[in-house]
C-alpha atoms as a PDB file:
ATOM      1  CA  MET A   1      82.978 108.864 121.329  1.00  0.00           C
ATOM      2  CA  PRO A   2      80.278 108.995 124.026  1.00  0.00           C
ATOM      3  CA  PHE A   3      81.356 108.434 127.594  1.00  0.00           C
ATOM      4  CA  PRO A   4      79.144 107.611 130.549  1.00  0.00           C
ATOM      5  CA  PRO A   5      78.503 110.688 132.706  1.00  0.00           C
ATOM      6  CA  TYR A   6      79.818 108.906 135.797  1.00  0.00           C
ATOM      7  CA  MET A   7      83.360 108.602 134.347  1.00  0.00           C
ATOM      8  CA  SER A   8      85.809 111.174 135.623  1.00  0.00           C
ATOM      9  CA  LYS A   9      87.496 113.502 133.140  1.00  0.00           C
ATOM     10  CA  GLU A  10      90.813 111.686 133.714  1.00  0.00           C
ATOM     11  CA  LEU A  11      89.271 108.287 132.918  1.00  0.00           C
ATOM     12  CA  LYS A  12      87.601 109.677 129.802  1.00  0.00           C
ATOM     13  CA  ILE A  13      90.972 110.985 128.590  1.00  0.00           C
ATOM     14  CA  LEU A  14      92.664 107.655 129.347  1.00  0.00           C
ATOM     15  CA  ARG A  15      89.888 105.740 127.594  1.00  0.00           C
ATOM     16  CA  ALA A  16      90.146 107.974 124.524  1.00  0.00           C
ATOM     17  CA  LYS A  17      93.931 107.505 124.392  1.00  0.00           C
ATOM     18  CA  ASN A  18      93.536 103.710 124.585  1.00  0.00           C
ATOM     19  CA  THR A  19      90.953 103.487 121.810  1.00  0.00           C
ATOM     20  CA  PRO A  20      92.478 102.237 118.545  1.00  0.00           C
ATOM     21  CA  ARG A  21      92.329 104.736 115.671  1.00  0.00           C
ATOM     22  CA  LEU A  22      93.179 104.753 112.013  1.00  0.00           C
ATOM     23  CA  LYS A  23      95.915 107.124 110.901  1.00  0.00           C
ATOM     24  CA  PRO A  24      94.437 110.561 110.142  1.00  0.00           C
ATOM     25  CA  ALA A  25      93.810 111.367 106.449  1.00  0.00           C
ATOM     26  CA  ARG A  26      94.619 107.821 105.338  1.00  0.00           C
ATOM     27  CA  TYR A  27      90.944 106.885 104.934  1.00  0.00           C
ATOM     28  CA  LYS A  28      88.138 109.170 103.775  1.00  0.00           C
ATOM     29  CA  PHE A  29      85.232 106.793 104.350  1.00  0.00           C
ATOM     30  CA  MET A  30      84.283 103.241 105.271  1.00  0.00           C
ATOM     31  CA  VAL A  31      82.267 100.830 103.147  1.00  0.00           C
ATOM     32  CA  VAL A  32      80.683  97.768 104.706  1.00  0.00           C
ATOM     33  CA  ALA A  33      79.148  94.835 102.824  1.00  0.00           C
ATOM     34  CA  PRO A  34      78.564  91.110 103.171  1.00  0.00           C
ATOM     35  CA  LEU A  35      81.721  89.446 101.869  1.00  0.00           C
ATOM     36  CA  GLN A  36      79.944  87.454  99.164  1.00  0.00           C
ATOM     37  CA  LYS A  37      78.270  90.624  97.807  1.00  0.00           C
ATOM     38  CA  ALA A  38      81.183  93.060  98.079  1.00  0.00           C
ATOM     39  CA  ARG A  39      82.348  94.524  94.781  1.00  0.00           C
ATOM     40  CA  PHE A  40      85.564  95.723  96.333  1.00  0.00           C
ATOM     41  CA  ARG A  41      88.544  94.222  98.135  1.00  0.00           C
ATOM     42  CA  PRO A  42      88.031  94.878 101.840  1.00  0.00           C
ATOM     43  CA  ASP A  43      90.839  95.743 104.219  1.00  0.00           C
ATOM     44  CA  VAL A  44      89.229  93.765 107.050  1.00  0.00           C
ATOM     45  CA  VAL A  45      86.967  90.716 107.162  1.00  0.00           C
ATOM     46  CA  LEU A  46      84.675  90.354 110.186  1.00  0.00           C
ATOM     47  CA  ILE A  47      83.055  87.147 111.333  1.00  0.00           C
ATOM     48  CA  HIS A  48      80.342  87.190 113.971  1.00  0.00           C
ATOM     49  CA  GLY A  49      79.608  83.923 115.748  1.00  0.00           C
ATOM     50  CA  ASN A  50      79.190  82.221 119.065  1.00  0.00           C
ATOM     51  CA  PRO A  51      82.258  81.617 121.266  1.00  0.00           C
ATOM     52  CA  GLY A  52      82.710  78.057 119.948  1.00  0.00           C
ATOM     53  CA  GLN A  53      82.734  79.220 116.323  1.00  0.00           C
ATOM     54  CA  ILE A  54      85.037  82.161 117.047  1.00  0.00           C
ATOM     55  CA  GLY A  55      87.271  79.783 119.027  1.00  0.00           C
ATOM     56  CA  LYS A  56      87.717  77.694 115.877  1.00  0.00           C
ATOM     57  CA  ALA A  57      88.662  80.832 113.914  1.00  0.00           C
ATOM     58  CA  ILE A  58      91.206  81.697 116.623  1.00  0.00           C
ATOM     59  CA  GLN A  59      92.659  78.159 116.467  1.00  0.00           C
ATOM     60  CA  ALA A  60      92.958  78.511 112.707  1.00  0.00           C
ATOM     61  CA  ALA A  61      94.747  81.869 112.981  1.00  0.00           C
ATOM     62  CA  VAL A  62      97.201  80.467 115.521  1.00  0.00           C
ATOM     63  CA  LEU A  63      97.832  77.256 113.547  1.00  0.00           C
ATOM     64  CA  LYS A  64      99.945  78.920 110.839  1.00  0.00           C
ATOM     65  CA  THR A  65     101.854  81.403 112.983  1.00  0.00           C
ATOM     66  CA  GLY A  66     102.039  79.819 116.423  1.00  0.00           C
ATOM     67  CA  GLU A  67     101.437  83.326 117.770  1.00  0.00           C
ATOM     68  CA  MET A  68      98.652  83.544 120.337  1.00  0.00           C
ATOM     69  CA  LEU A  69      95.908  86.095 119.775  1.00  0.00           C
ATOM     70  CA  THR A  70      95.116  88.642 122.422  1.00  0.00           C
ATOM     71  CA  ALA A  71      91.895  90.552 122.887  1.00  0.00           C
ATOM     72  CA  ARG A  72      91.621  94.192 123.844  1.00  0.00           C
ATOM     73  CA  SER A  73      88.123  95.272 124.600  1.00  0.00           C
ATOM     74  CA  GLY A  74      86.350  98.070 126.335  1.00  0.00           C
ATOM     75  CA  CYS A  75      82.979  96.758 125.140  1.00  0.00           C
ATOM     76  CA  ALA A  76      82.137 100.297 124.058  1.00  0.00           C
ATOM     77  CA  THR A  77      84.123 100.927 120.879  1.00  0.00           C
ATOM     78  CA  ALA A  78      83.981  97.551 119.167  1.00  0.00           C
ATOM     79  CA  CYS A  79      84.219  98.936 115.632  1.00  0.00           C
ATOM     80  CA  SER A  80      87.556 100.571 116.431  1.00  0.00           C
ATOM     81  CA  GLU A  81      88.784  97.374 118.061  1.00  0.00           C
ATOM     82  CA  TRP A  82      87.851  95.253 115.048  1.00  0.00           C
ATOM     83  CA  VAL A  83      88.683  97.632 112.232  1.00  0.00           C
ATOM     84  CA  ALA A  84      91.381 100.035 113.406  1.00  0.00           C
ATOM     85  CA  GLU A  85      93.279  97.537 115.560  1.00  0.00           C
ATOM     86  CA  THR A  86      93.243  94.936 112.764  1.00  0.00           C
ATOM     87  CA  ILE A  87      94.391  97.411 110.110  1.00  0.00           C
ATOM     88  CA  ASN A  88      97.057  98.980 112.333  1.00  0.00           C
ATOM     89  CA  SER A  89      98.505  95.694 113.580  1.00  0.00           C
ATOM     90  CA  GLY A  90      97.983  93.565 110.463  1.00  0.00           C
ATOM     91  CA  LYS A  91      96.931  90.738 112.812  1.00  0.00           C
ATOM     92  CA  CYS A  92      93.769  88.814 113.509  1.00  0.00           C
ATOM     93  CA  GLN A  93      91.736  89.999 116.494  1.00  0.00           C
ATOM     94  CA  PHE A  94      88.746  88.833 118.502  1.00  0.00           C
ATOM     95  CA  SER A  95      86.491  90.837 120.724  1.00  0.00           C
ATOM     96  CA  PHE A  96      83.078  91.286 122.255  1.00  0.00           C
ATOM     97  CA  PRO A  97      80.393  93.406 120.603  1.00  0.00           C
ATOM     98  CA  CYS A  98      79.575  96.764 122.136  1.00  0.00           C
ATOM     99  CA  ASP A  99      76.101  98.092 122.939  1.00  0.00           C
ATOM    100  CA  GLY A 100      75.933  99.964 119.632  1.00  0.00           C
ATOM    101  CA  GLU A 101      76.775  96.805 117.701  1.00  0.00           C
ATOM    102  CA  ARG A 102      73.985  94.986 119.504  1.00  0.00           C
ATOM    103  CA  ARG A 103      71.532  97.854 119.177  1.00  0.00           C
ATOM    104  CA  PHE A 104      72.120  98.815 115.547  1.00  0.00           C
ATOM    105  CA  GLY A 105      73.849  95.756 114.073  1.00  0.00           C
ATOM    106  CA  ALA A 106      71.496  93.120 115.478  1.00  0.00           C
ATOM    107  CA  ILE A 107      74.421  91.249 117.055  1.00  0.00           C
ATOM    108  CA  GLN A 108      73.195  88.905 119.785  1.00  0.00           C
ATOM    109  CA  ASP A 109      74.344  88.843 123.398  1.00  0.00           C
ATOM    110  CA  ASN A 110      75.954  85.431 122.881  1.00  0.00           C
ATOM    111  CA  ASP A 111      77.989  86.547 119.829  1.00  0.00           C
ATOM    112  CA  MET A 112      81.648  87.467 119.535  1.00  0.00           C
ATOM    113  CA  THR A 113      83.612  88.862 116.619  1.00  0.00           C
ATOM    114  CA  PHE A 114      86.738  87.661 114.867  1.00  0.00           C
ATOM    115  CA  SER A 115      88.459  90.088 112.503  1.00  0.00           C
ATOM    116  CA  MET A 116      91.315  89.470 110.118  1.00  0.00           C
ATOM    117  CA  PRO A 117      93.158  91.429 107.460  1.00  0.00           C
ATOM    118  CA  TYR A 118      91.814  90.432 104.047  1.00  0.00           C
ATOM    119  CA  GLY A 119      95.313  89.302 103.089  1.00  0.00           C
ATOM    120  CA  LYS A 120      95.199  86.610 105.795  1.00  0.00           C
ATOM    121  CA  MET A 121      91.809  85.212 104.829  1.00  0.00           C
ATOM    122  CA  GLU A 122      93.053  82.351 102.613  1.00  0.00           C
ATOM    123  CA  GLU A 123      95.625  81.333 105.223  1.00  0.00           C
ATOM    124  CA  VAL A 124      93.003  81.303 107.994  1.00  0.00           C
ATOM    125  CA  LEU A 125      90.491  79.376 105.858  1.00  0.00           C
ATOM    126  CA  GLU A 126      93.136  76.792 104.921  1.00  0.00           C
ATOM    127  CA  SER A 127      94.104  76.421 108.582  1.00  0.00           C
ATOM    128  CA  LEU A 128      90.455  76.130 109.563  1.00  0.00           C
ATOM    129  CA  LYS A 129      90.045  73.149 107.239  1.00  0.00           C
ATOM    130  CA  ILE A 130      93.159  71.531 108.742  1.00  0.00           C
ATOM    131  CA  ALA A 131      92.076  72.238 112.331  1.00  0.00           C
ATOM    132  CA  CYS A 132      88.546  70.928 111.798  1.00  0.00           C
ATOM    133  CA  ASN A 133      89.813  67.714 110.223  1.00  0.00           C
ATOM    134  CA  SER A 134      92.529  66.986 112.781  1.00  0.00           C
ATOM    135  CA  SER A 135      91.967  64.435 115.514  1.00  0.00           C
ATOM    136  CA  GLU A 136      92.801  66.990 118.182  1.00  0.00           C
ATOM    137  CA  HIS A 137      90.339  69.734 117.266  1.00  0.00           C
ATOM    138  CA  ARG A 138      87.536  67.541 115.882  1.00  0.00           C
ATOM    139  CA  GLY A 139      85.609  70.307 114.148  1.00  0.00           C
ATOM    140  CA  TYR A 140      82.578  72.195 115.304  1.00  0.00           C
ATOM    141  CA  PRO A 141      80.306  71.788 117.133  1.00  0.00           C
ATOM    142  CA  VAL A 142      82.286  69.992 119.799  1.00  0.00           C
ATOM    143  CA  GLU A 143      80.689  66.696 120.774  1.00  0.00           C
ATOM    144  CA  ARG A 144      79.540  66.644 124.377  1.00  0.00           C
ATOM    145  CA  PHE A 145      78.869  63.494 126.349  1.00  0.00           C
ATOM    146  CA  LEU A 146      78.238  63.129 130.040  1.00  0.00           C
ATOM    147  CA  ILE A 147      79.011  59.420 130.277  1.00  0.00           C
ATOM    148  CA  HIS A 148      81.510  58.899 127.536  1.00  0.00           C
ATOM    149  CA  GLN A 149      85.247  58.633 127.295  1.00  0.00           C
ATOM    150  CA  ALA A 150      86.098  60.664 124.234  1.00  0.00           C
ATOM    151  CA  PRO A 151      88.632  59.045 121.921  1.00  0.00           C
ATOM    152  CA  MET A 152      92.075  60.489 122.436  1.00  0.00           C
ATOM    153  CA  SER A 153      94.219  61.571 119.535  1.00  0.00           C
ATOM    154  CA  GLU A 154      97.032  59.226 118.549  1.00  0.00           C
ATOM    155  CA  ARG A 155      99.614  61.641 119.999  1.00  0.00           C
ATOM    156  CA  TYR A 156      97.912  61.696 123.423  1.00  0.00           C
ATOM    157  CA  THR A 157      97.406  57.925 123.400  1.00  0.00           C
ATOM    158  CA  LYS A 158     101.140  57.381 122.768  1.00  0.00           C
ATOM    159  CA  LEU A 159     102.028  59.911 125.474  1.00  0.00           C
ATOM    160  CA  LEU A 160      99.761  58.185 128.003  1.00  0.00           C
ATOM    161  CA  ALA A 161     101.235  54.787 127.146  1.00  0.00           C
ATOM    162  CA  SER A 162     104.741  56.178 127.550  1.00  0.00           C
ATOM    163  CA  LEU A 163     103.921  57.723 130.928  1.00  0.00           C
ATOM    164  CA  GLN A 164     102.273  54.515 132.091  1.00  0.00           C
ATOM    165  CA  LYS A 165     105.271  52.454 130.975  1.00  0.00           C
ATOM    166  CA  ASP A 166     107.712  54.817 132.742  1.00  0.00           C
ATOM    167  CA  ALA A 167     105.633  54.562 135.924  1.00  0.00           C
ATOM    168  CA  GLY A 168     105.453  50.779 135.716  1.00  0.00           C
ATOM    169  CA  VAL A 169     101.704  50.755 135.117  1.00  0.00           C
ATOM    170  CA  ASP A 170     100.305  47.678 133.376  1.00  0.00           C
ATOM    171  CA  GLN A 171      99.295  48.608 129.824  1.00  0.00           C
ATOM    172  CA  ARG A 172      95.877  47.158 130.503  1.00  0.00           C
ATOM    173  CA  TYR A 173      94.206  50.228 131.931  1.00  0.00           C
ATOM    174  CA  ASP A 174      93.242  49.979 135.583  1.00  0.00           C
ATOM    175  CA  GLU A 175      91.996  53.271 137.032  1.00  0.00           C
ATOM    176  CA  LYS A 176      92.918  52.510 140.655  1.00  0.00           C
ATOM    177  CA  SER A 177      96.404  51.232 139.781  1.00  0.00           C
ATOM    178  CA  TYR A 178      96.942  54.150 137.442  1.00  0.00           C
ATOM    179  CA  ARG A 179      95.986  56.730 140.073  1.00  0.00           C
ATOM    180  CA  GLU A 180      98.153  55.047 142.724  1.00  0.00           C
ATOM    181  CA  LYS A 181     101.277  54.869 140.570  1.00  0.00           C
ATOM    182  CA  ILE A 182     100.972  58.115 138.605  1.00  0.00           C
ATOM    183  CA  TRP A 183      99.353  60.457 141.114  1.00  0.00           C
ATOM    184  CA  ASN A 184     100.338  58.751 144.382  1.00  0.00           C
ATOM    185  CA  ILE A 185      96.695  58.738 145.478  1.00  0.00           C
END
């Protein structure tokens, strides 16, 4: 693993220790292919996309387990973060591409990567369909309006009504009255 010449020997050692690795002698080689063309069952599935797309994949991964995803990145050893960390942990990951990934893999500066064990792919895809069709996640791309009050999900609408009722706010929405009674402004 190449290190910048300005890193001290101690930092290079620490960086090397913190880089995810596969167990020695468990794998002899790595094969990479587009998923739809692969003639083998991969251990890891990678998805490159923009932050909004990868955010949807993260939401889908969290939907079934409730367990938040964390990202570990040094932005220098992305392949070990995506492959080794995913295989070793058995969990979905997300990260930023490294310079080598951009240089040799044609990954763009505005891309991120989501990786998942192959065994979790169906679960994540099923959750992605649920998340994109729910009123709270509303699919991708996210609609953006500057002068628009986005429709609230039924759950948030009921919560707002309940809070307004508890605060004695008239159910007919009045911004000034609402701010005065809820926020004491």
